[in-house]
Amino acid sequence: MMCHNKFRAWLEIPPCGTLDILLLGKSKFGLNIIDISAKFTQCQVVLRSKLKNSSFPDIRQAYKASSTNTNVQYDRYLKPKEVIQEIRTEKVANITHYLTLQS
C-alpha cells in the first residue's frame, strides 16, 4: 500500500484512479513496473523450485512436507517469468473487459 501511495503521488493519480497501467508492458502503453506482490510470488517460485530439485534428499523431503494448500499456488509455475506474464495477461484482459463495457 505504501508503494502504491508513492506511485499515486509520483504520477498524480487520485485515490479513485486505477494503477493498472503500472503493471502493463511498455508495448501496451504501461510503465512496465513489477509489483511487490508479483516479485514476492516470483521469489516463492524460485524457492519452491530449489527445494523440489535439490540434490539432497532431506531438502526434497522438506518440499514434499510443505506441499500443503499454502504452497500449492506457487508450485504451478515452472519459471519466475511466468508469474509476470500471467499477471500482465490478466490485467490486459481486465482492462479490455472494462473498456468493452464502457464502449
Protein backbone atom coordinates (compact mmCIF):
# COMPACT_ATOMS: atom_id res chain seq x y z
CA MET A 1 0.00 0.00 0.00
CA MET A 2 2.89 2.36 0.77
CA CYS A 3 4.37 1.77 -2.69
CA HIS A 4 1.02 2.31 -4.36
CA ASN A 5 0.62 5.60 -2.48
CA LYS A 6 4.07 6.72 -3.67
CA PHE A 7 3.18 5.76 -7.24
CA ARG A 8 -0.06 7.74 -6.96
CA ALA A 9 1.83 10.79 -5.71
CA TRP A 10 4.53 10.43 -8.36
CA LEU A 11 2.04 10.02 -11.23
CA GLU A 12 -0.54 12.39 -9.71
CA ILE A 13 -3.26 9.74 -9.80
CA PRO A 14 -6.19 10.46 -7.47
CA PRO A 15 -7.23 7.83 -4.87
CA CYS A 16 -10.20 6.82 -7.00
CA GLY A 17 -7.93 6.23 -10.04
CA THR A 18 -6.58 2.85 -11.09
CA LEU A 19 -2.98 1.72 -11.00
CA ASP A 20 -3.46 -0.95 -13.67
CA ILE A 21 -1.18 0.90 -16.09
CA LEU A 22 1.79 0.30 -13.79
CA LEU A 23 1.90 -3.43 -14.47
CA LEU A 24 1.35 -3.31 -18.21
CA GLY A 25 4.32 -3.59 -20.54
CA LYS A 26 5.54 -0.58 -22.49
CA SER A 27 4.16 -2.08 -25.70
CA LYS A 28 0.70 -1.86 -24.07
CA PHE A 29 1.33 1.78 -23.04
CA GLY A 30 2.08 0.82 -19.45
CA LEU A 31 5.03 1.62 -17.23
CA ASN A 32 6.46 -1.93 -17.09
CA ILE A 33 6.74 -1.87 -13.28
CA ILE A 34 6.77 -5.16 -11.38
CA ASP A 35 4.52 -5.00 -8.33
CA ILE A 36 5.92 -6.07 -4.97
CA SER A 37 3.37 -8.85 -4.63
CA ALA A 38 4.42 -10.21 -8.04
CA LYS A 39 8.08 -10.08 -7.01
CA PHE A 40 7.20 -11.97 -3.80
CA THR A 41 5.45 -14.65 -5.86
CA GLN A 42 8.49 -14.91 -8.11
CA CYS A 43 10.72 -15.43 -5.08
CA GLN A 44 8.40 -18.14 -3.78
CA VAL A 45 8.51 -19.90 -7.16
CA VAL A 46 12.31 -19.88 -7.11
CA LEU A 47 12.40 -21.17 -3.53
CA ARG A 48 9.92 -23.98 -4.23
CA SER A 49 11.84 -24.96 -7.36
CA LYS A 50 15.12 -25.12 -5.42
CA LEU A 51 13.51 -27.30 -2.75
CA LYS A 52 11.94 -29.61 -5.31
CA ASN A 53 15.08 -30.07 -7.43
CA SER A 54 17.66 -30.24 -4.65
CA SER A 55 20.31 -32.94 -4.76
CA PHE A 56 19.83 -33.54 -1.02
CA PRO A 57 17.03 -35.95 -0.08
CA ASP A 58 16.29 -34.09 3.17
CA ILE A 59 15.56 -30.89 1.30
CA ARG A 60 13.35 -32.72 -1.21
CA GLN A 61 11.54 -34.22 1.78
CA ALA A 62 11.02 -30.69 3.13
CA TYR A 63 9.45 -29.81 -0.23
CA LYS A 64 7.07 -32.76 0.00
CA ALA A 65 6.20 -31.99 3.60
CA SER A 66 5.48 -28.35 2.76
CA SER A 67 3.30 -29.15 -0.24
CA THR A 68 0.15 -28.08 1.54
CA ASN A 69 -2.62 -25.74 0.48
CA THR A 70 -0.47 -22.71 1.34
CA ASN A 71 2.29 -23.52 -1.17
CA VAL A 72 0.35 -25.16 -3.98
CA GLN A 73 -0.26 -21.80 -5.66
CA TYR A 74 3.48 -21.41 -6.27
CA ASP A 75 4.07 -24.96 -7.49
CA ARG A 76 2.04 -24.44 -10.67
CA TYR A 77 4.67 -22.12 -12.15
CA LEU A 78 7.75 -23.56 -13.83
CA LYS A 79 9.67 -20.30 -14.17
CA PRO A 80 9.51 -16.92 -12.38
CA LYS A 81 8.84 -15.11 -15.67
CA GLU A 82 5.54 -16.98 -15.95
CA VAL A 83 4.31 -15.08 -12.90
CA ILE A 84 4.75 -11.69 -14.57
CA GLN A 85 3.31 -12.93 -17.86
CA GLU A 86 0.20 -14.27 -16.15
CA ILE A 87 -0.33 -11.10 -14.12
CA ARG A 88 0.08 -8.89 -17.19
CA THR A 89 -2.23 -11.09 -19.27
CA GLU A 90 -4.82 -10.91 -16.52
CA LYS A 91 -4.51 -7.11 -16.29
CA VAL A 92 -4.89 -6.71 -20.07
CA ALA A 93 -7.98 -8.93 -20.01
CA ASN A 94 -9.49 -6.91 -17.15
CA ILE A 95 -8.79 -3.58 -18.83
CA THR A 96 -10.16 -4.85 -22.15
CA HIS A 97 -13.28 -6.11 -20.38
CA TYR A 98 -13.88 -2.76 -18.63
CA LEU A 99 -13.27 -0.77 -21.82
CA THR A 100 -15.68 -3.02 -23.72
CA LEU A 101 -18.33 -2.40 -21.07
CA GLN A 102 -17.78 1.33 -21.40
CA SER A 103 -17.99 1.16 -25.20
